[in-house]
C-alpha atoms as a PDB file:
ATOM      1  CA  MET A   1      13.188 181.373  -7.684  1.00  0.00           C
ATOM      2  CA  THR A   2      14.189 178.655 -10.136  1.00  0.00           C
ATOM      3  CA  PRO A   3      17.937 178.043 -10.088  1.00  0.00           C
ATOM      4  CA  ASP A   4      19.821 178.338 -13.377  1.00  0.00           C
ATOM      5  CA  GLN A   5      21.297 174.880 -14.022  1.00  0.00           C
ATOM      6  CA  ASP A   6      23.554 176.234 -16.794  1.00  0.00           C
ATOM      7  CA  VAL A   7      25.741 178.350 -14.495  1.00  0.00           C
ATOM      8  CA  THR A   8      28.752 176.359 -13.330  1.00  0.00           C
ATOM      9  CA  VAL A   9      31.598 176.762 -10.890  1.00  0.00           C
ATOM     10  CA  LYS A  10      35.012 175.129 -11.106  1.00  0.00           C
ATOM     11  CA  GLY A  11      36.093 172.496  -8.626  1.00  0.00           C
ATOM     12  CA  LEU A  12      38.079 174.498  -6.041  1.00  0.00           C
ATOM     13  CA  PRO A  13      35.060 176.130  -4.342  1.00  0.00           C
ATOM     14  CA  VAL A  14      33.248 172.792  -4.476  1.00  0.00           C
ATOM     15  CA  ARG A  15      36.193 171.027  -2.834  1.00  0.00           C
ATOM     16  CA  SER A  16      36.301 173.718  -0.144  1.00  0.00           C
ATOM     17  CA  LEU A  17      32.618 173.148   0.624  1.00  0.00           C
ATOM     18  CA  GLN A  18      33.151 169.388   0.701  1.00  0.00           C
ATOM     19  CA  ASN A  19      36.030 169.806   3.167  1.00  0.00           C
ATOM     20  CA  PHE A  20      33.995 172.225   5.298  1.00  0.00           C
ATOM     21  CA  ILE A  21      31.080 169.794   5.452  1.00  0.00           C
ATOM     22  CA  GLU A  22      33.451 166.956   6.358  1.00  0.00           C
ATOM     23  CA  ARG A  23      34.807 168.996   9.290  1.00  0.00           C
ATOM     24  CA  GLU A  24      31.535 170.516  10.488  1.00  0.00           C
ATOM     25  CA  LEU A  25      28.966 167.723  10.188  1.00  0.00           C
ATOM     26  CA  THR A  26      28.799 164.338  11.821  1.00  0.00           C
ATOM     27  CA  ALA A  27      28.595 161.272   9.589  1.00  0.00           C
ATOM     28  CA  GLY A  28      24.842 161.096  10.219  1.00  0.00           C
ATOM     29  CA  GLN A  29      24.362 164.752   9.372  1.00  0.00           C
ATOM     30  CA  ARG A  30      26.381 164.354   6.167  1.00  0.00           C
ATOM     31  CA  ASP A  31      24.264 161.346   5.173  1.00  0.00           C
ATOM     32  CA  ALA A  32      21.092 163.361   5.793  1.00  0.00           C
ATOM     33  CA  ALA A  33      22.384 166.251   3.676  1.00  0.00           C
ATOM     34  CA  PHE A  34      23.408 164.055   0.737  1.00  0.00           C
ATOM     35  CA  CYS A  35      20.193 162.029   0.986  1.00  0.00           C
ATOM     36  CA  ASN A  36      18.201 165.124  -0.002  1.00  0.00           C
ATOM     37  CA  LEU A  37      20.198 165.796  -3.185  1.00  0.00           C
ATOM     38  CA  PRO A  38      19.353 164.309  -6.584  1.00  0.00           C
ATOM     39  CA  PRO A  39      21.011 160.845  -6.543  1.00  0.00           C
ATOM     40  CA  ALA A  40      23.478 161.520  -9.371  1.00  0.00           C
ATOM     41  CA  TYR A  41      24.745 164.704  -7.701  1.00  0.00           C
ATOM     42  CA  ALA A  42      24.803 163.126  -4.254  1.00  0.00           C
ATOM     43  CA  ALA A  43      27.025 160.336  -5.563  1.00  0.00           C
ATOM     44  CA  ARG A  44      29.324 162.751  -7.414  1.00  0.00           C
ATOM     45  CA  LEU A  45      29.610 165.273  -4.567  1.00  0.00           C
ATOM     46  CA  LYS A  46      30.538 162.549  -2.089  1.00  0.00           C
ATOM     47  CA  GLU A  47      33.705 161.976  -4.119  1.00  0.00           C
ATOM     48  CA  GLN A  48      36.682 164.220  -4.735  1.00  0.00           C
ATOM     49  CA  ILE A  49      36.059 166.900  -7.335  1.00  0.00           C
ATOM     50  CA  LEU A  50      38.916 167.861  -9.664  1.00  0.00           C
ATOM     51  CA  PRO A  51      39.956 171.547  -9.641  1.00  0.00           C
ATOM     52  CA  THR A  52      39.045 171.914 -13.324  1.00  0.00           C
ATOM     53  CA  GLU A  53      35.741 170.035 -13.070  1.00  0.00           C
ATOM     54  CA  LYS A  54      32.584 172.105 -13.448  1.00  0.00           C
ATOM     55  CA  VAL A  55      29.571 171.698 -11.181  1.00  0.00           C
ATOM     56  CA  PRO A  56      26.238 173.528 -11.479  1.00  0.00           C
ATOM     57  CA  VAL A  57      26.129 176.381  -8.964  1.00  0.00           C
ATOM     58  CA  ALA A  58      22.557 175.342  -8.185  1.00  0.00           C
ATOM     59  CA  MET A  59      23.847 171.995  -6.849  1.00  0.00           C
ATOM     60  CA  LEU A  60      26.542 173.714  -4.774  1.00  0.00           C
ATOM     61  CA  ASN A  61      23.805 175.929  -3.310  1.00  0.00           C
ATOM     62  CA  ARG A  62      21.538 172.952  -2.698  1.00  0.00           C
ATOM     63  CA  LEU A  63      24.345 171.104  -0.888  1.00  0.00           C
ATOM     64  CA  THR A  64      24.929 174.202   1.258  1.00  0.00           C
ATOM     65  CA  GLU A  65      21.214 174.366   2.134  1.00  0.00           C
ATOM     66  CA  GLU A  66      20.966 170.679   2.990  1.00  0.00           C
ATOM     67  CA  ALA A  67      24.158 170.724   5.069  1.00  0.00           C
ATOM     68  CA  ALA A  68      22.950 173.765   7.036  1.00  0.00           C
ATOM     69  CA  ARG A  69      19.591 172.074   7.622  1.00  0.00           C
ATOM     70  CA  ALA A  70      21.240 168.802   8.704  1.00  0.00           C
ATOM     71  CA  ARG A  71      23.500 170.684  11.117  1.00  0.00           C
ATOM     72  CA  GLY A  72      20.569 172.678  12.521  1.00  0.00           C
ATOM     73  CA  GLU A  73      22.193 176.018  11.686  1.00  0.00           C
ATOM     74  CA  SER A  74      20.738 178.972   9.816  1.00  0.00           C
ATOM     75  CA  LEU A  75      21.601 179.030   6.125  1.00  0.00           C
ATOM     76  CA  GLU A  76      23.026 182.549   6.488  1.00  0.00           C
ATOM     77  CA  ASP A  77      25.433 181.562   9.285  1.00  0.00           C
ATOM     78  CA  PHE A  78      26.437 178.222   7.799  1.00  0.00           C
ATOM     79  CA  GLY A  79      26.937 179.655   4.305  1.00  0.00           C
ATOM     80  CA  ARG A  80      28.961 182.573   5.575  1.00  0.00           C
ATOM     81  CA  ARG A  81      31.225 180.272   7.604  1.00  0.00           C
ATOM     82  CA  ALA A  82      31.597 178.024   4.536  1.00  0.00           C
ATOM     83  CA  GLY A  83      32.584 181.081   2.460  1.00  0.00           C
ATOM     84  CA  CYS A  84      35.193 182.079   5.053  1.00  0.00           C
ATOM     85  CA  ALA A  85      36.589 178.544   4.948  1.00  0.00           C
ATOM     86  CA  ALA A  86      36.738 178.659   1.139  1.00  0.00           C
ATOM     87  CA  ALA A  87      38.730 181.904   1.245  1.00  0.00           C
ATOM     88  CA  THR A  88      41.120 180.365   3.759  1.00  0.00           C
ATOM     89  CA  ASP A  89      41.521 177.310   1.512  1.00  0.00           C
ATOM     90  CA  ALA A  90      42.204 179.561  -1.484  1.00  0.00           C
ATOM     91  CA  ILE A  91      44.848 181.516   0.407  1.00  0.00           C
ATOM     92  CA  HIS A  92      46.617 178.332   1.425  1.00  0.00           C
ATOM     93  CA  GLY A  93      46.530 177.346  -2.227  1.00  0.00           C
ATOM     94  CA  VAL A  94      47.103 179.213  -5.445  1.00  0.00           C
ATOM     95  CA  TYR A  95      45.972 182.657  -4.235  1.00  0.00           C
ATOM     96  CA  ARG A  96      48.339 182.915  -1.255  1.00  0.00           C
ATOM     97  CA  PHE A  97      50.531 185.498  -2.973  1.00  0.00           C
ATOM     98  CA  PHE A  98      47.613 187.838  -3.582  1.00  0.00           C
ATOM     99  CA  ALA A  99      46.507 187.985   0.043  1.00  0.00           C
ATOM    100  CA  LEU A 100      50.016 188.395   1.376  1.00  0.00           C
ATOM    101  CA  ALA A 101      51.175 190.998  -1.120  1.00  0.00           C
ATOM    102  CA  LEU A 102      48.119 193.106  -1.854  1.00  0.00           C
ATOM    103  CA  THR A 103      46.066 195.639   0.062  1.00  0.00           C
ATOM    104  CA  PRO A 104      42.320 194.982   0.345  1.00  0.00           C
ATOM    105  CA  ALA A 105      41.636 197.513  -2.398  1.00  0.00           C
ATOM    106  CA  ALA A 106      44.118 195.863  -4.764  1.00  0.00           C
ATOM    107  CA  LEU A 107      42.871 192.386  -3.884  1.00  0.00           C
ATOM    108  CA  LEU A 108      39.285 193.434  -4.566  1.00  0.00           C
ATOM    109  CA  THR A 109      40.313 194.645  -7.990  1.00  0.00           C
ATOM    110  CA  LYS A 110      41.720 191.171  -8.674  1.00  0.00           C
ATOM    111  CA  GLY A 111      38.442 189.688  -7.405  1.00  0.00           C
ATOM    112  CA  GLY A 112      36.742 190.419 -10.701  1.00  0.00           C
ATOM    113  CA  GLN A 113      39.344 188.439 -12.595  1.00  0.00           C
ATOM    114  CA  LEU A 114      39.114 185.644 -10.068  1.00  0.00           C
ATOM    115  CA  TRP A 115      35.318 185.500 -10.396  1.00  0.00           C
ATOM    116  CA  THR A 116      35.393 184.989 -14.166  1.00  0.00           C
ATOM    117  CA  SER A 117      38.089 182.328 -13.861  1.00  0.00           C
ATOM    118  CA  VAL A 118      35.915 180.262 -11.487  1.00  0.00           C
ATOM    119  CA  TYR A 119      32.275 180.951 -12.483  1.00  0.00           C
ATOM    120  CA  SER A 120      30.802 180.515 -15.978  1.00  0.00           C
ATOM    121  CA  ARG A 121      28.616 183.614 -15.656  1.00  0.00           C
ATOM    122  CA  GLY A 122      28.663 186.970 -13.960  1.00  0.00           C
ATOM    123  CA  GLN A 123      31.051 189.810 -13.329  1.00  0.00           C
ATOM    124  CA  LEU A 124      32.256 191.053  -9.970  1.00  0.00           C
ATOM    125  CA  VAL A 125      32.826 194.800 -10.279  1.00  0.00           C
ATOM    126  CA  VAL A 126      34.406 197.056  -7.659  1.00  0.00           C
ATOM    127  CA  GLN A 127      32.805 200.500  -7.393  1.00  0.00           C
ATOM    128  CA  ASP A 128      33.295 203.562  -5.186  1.00  0.00           C
ATOM    129  CA  GLN A 129      36.626 202.282  -3.919  1.00  0.00           C
ATOM    130  CA  THR A 130      38.609 204.249  -1.327  1.00  0.00           C
ATOM    131  CA  SER A 131      41.589 203.315   0.839  1.00  0.00           C
ATOM    132  CA  THR A 132      39.199 201.956   3.513  1.00  0.00           C
ATOM    133  CA  SER A 133      36.045 200.951   1.660  1.00  0.00           C
ATOM    134  CA  ALA A 134      34.578 199.584  -1.527  1.00  0.00           C
ATOM    135  CA  ARG A 135      31.287 198.561  -3.048  1.00  0.00           C
ATOM    136  CA  LEU A 136      31.271 195.206  -4.814  1.00  0.00           C
ATOM    137  CA  VAL A 137      28.571 194.533  -7.397  1.00  0.00           C
ATOM    138  CA  LEU A 138      27.874 191.119  -8.902  1.00  0.00           C
ATOM    139  CA  GLN A 139      26.288 191.588 -12.316  1.00  0.00           C
ATOM    140  CA  ASP A 140      24.657 189.124 -14.709  1.00  0.00           C
ATOM    141  CA  PHE A 141      24.418 186.434 -12.033  1.00  0.00           C
ATOM    142  CA  LYS A 142      21.129 185.286 -10.539  1.00  0.00           C
ATOM    143  CA  SER A 143      22.043 184.218  -7.041  1.00  0.00           C
ATOM    144  CA  GLU A 144      20.362 182.151  -4.361  1.00  0.00           C
ATOM    145  CA  PRO A 145      20.511 182.735  -0.581  1.00  0.00           C
ATOM    146  CA  ALA A 146      23.055 179.917  -0.085  1.00  0.00           C
ATOM    147  CA  GLY A 147      25.354 181.394  -2.722  1.00  0.00           C
ATOM    148  CA  CYS A 148      25.016 184.902  -1.322  1.00  0.00           C
ATOM    149  CA  ALA A 149      25.919 183.688   2.153  1.00  0.00           C
ATOM    150  CA  ARG A 150      29.030 181.882   0.867  1.00  0.00           C
ATOM    151  CA  ILE A 151      30.102 184.872  -1.215  1.00  0.00           C
ATOM    152  CA  THR A 152      29.639 187.199   1.765  1.00  0.00           C
ATOM    153  CA  GLY A 153      31.849 184.991   3.922  1.00  0.00           C
ATOM    154  CA  TRP A 154      34.431 184.743   1.161  1.00  0.00           C
ATOM    155  CA  ILE A 155      34.625 188.536   0.751  1.00  0.00           C
ATOM    156  CA  GLU A 156      34.910 189.031   4.507  1.00  0.00           C
ATOM    157  CA  LYS A 157      37.704 186.489   4.955  1.00  0.00           C
ATOM    158  CA  MET A 158      39.653 187.584   1.880  1.00  0.00           C
ATOM    159  CA  ALA A 159      39.726 191.142   3.235  1.00  0.00           C
ATOM    160  CA  GLU A 160      40.810 189.925   6.684  1.00  0.00           C
ATOM    161  CA  LEU A 161      43.569 187.774   5.202  1.00  0.00           C
ATOM    162  CA  THR A 162      45.242 190.918   3.854  1.00  0.00           C
ATOM    163  CA  GLY A 163      45.756 191.993   7.479  1.00  0.00           C
ATOM    164  CA  VAL A 164      42.953 194.506   7.925  1.00  0.00           C
ATOM    165  CA  THR A 165      40.043 194.517  10.337  1.00  0.00           C
ATOM    166  CA  VAL A 166      36.686 194.322   8.594  1.00  0.00           C
ATOM    167  CA  LEU A 167      34.488 196.946  10.240  1.00  0.00           C
ATOM    168  CA  GLN A 168      31.389 196.377   8.159  1.00  0.00           C
ATOM    169  CA  LEU A 169      30.242 194.059   5.411  1.00  0.00           C
ATOM    170  CA  VAL A 170      26.646 194.500   4.346  1.00  0.00           C
ATOM    171  CA  HIS A 171      24.944 192.617   1.533  1.00  0.00           C
ATOM    172  CA  ASP A 172      22.493 195.410   0.820  1.00  0.00           C
ATOM    173  CA  GLN A 173      21.271 194.410  -2.624  1.00  0.00           C
ATOM    174  CA  CYS A 174      20.377 190.809  -3.470  1.00  0.00           C
ATOM    175  CA  SER A 175      19.133 189.149  -6.643  1.00  0.00           C
ATOM    176  CA  ALA A 176      17.671 186.336  -4.504  1.00  0.00           C
ATOM    177  CA  ARG A 177      15.419 189.003  -2.938  1.00  0.00           C
ATOM    178  CA  GLY A 178      14.381 190.468  -6.286  1.00  0.00           C
ATOM    179  CA  ALA A 179      17.116 193.020  -6.994  1.00  0.00           C
ATOM    180  CA  LYS A 180      18.753 193.243 -10.402  1.00  0.00           C
ATOM    181  CA  GLY A 181      22.035 191.993  -8.950  1.00  0.00           C
ATOM    182  CA  CYS A 182      23.898 191.552  -5.701  1.00  0.00           C
ATOM    183  CA  ALA A 183      26.007 194.220  -3.992  1.00  0.00           C
ATOM    184  CA  TRP A 184      28.080 194.464  -0.836  1.00  0.00           C
ATOM    185  CA  GLU A 185      29.363 197.497   1.098  1.00  0.00           C
ATOM    186  CA  LEU A 186      32.737 196.701   2.655  1.00  0.00           C
ATOM    187  CA  ARG A 187      34.583 198.943   5.125  1.00  0.00           C
ATOM    188  CA  TRP A 188      37.890 198.147   6.827  1.00  0.00           C
ATOM    189  CA  LYS A 189      40.689 199.694   8.837  1.00  0.00           C
END
């Protein structure tokens, strides 16, 4: 699948991934990961990204792939852990109030607004919501495996940060695997 270079993400998720890579990879592994990026992006992503700066999602995904490869970890596991770290970073930042004050169902409803404030394309829609479950559907967004793994980790950690136990989180529909969009089934107690 050819990544869409026009879809961008604001700086906070990029900074979270940078911080995660700094913590998780050795200097040699980081060098190997950045070495495989296009030179202009490698140089830019080695430096601090401003929260309002926009970066192509394809480059964020590529950095995730290269970092996972350099670390010798599966993309699914690495990306999911990176997504969890990004949610934790968000909660310690501007979104702390939401996680502390809202139930998972209410937080998920806010997730759609959060998505459109960070990504230049796509809509995150909550469907079939109950007091212990929800289906999240990402529409109008062609994803890649690295992005799906990060999003899955982010959803999981955001739910946990509200104080619930995530019983199940399944990414059962994926645009990277040919589906029209991505969807996740989330159950908690």
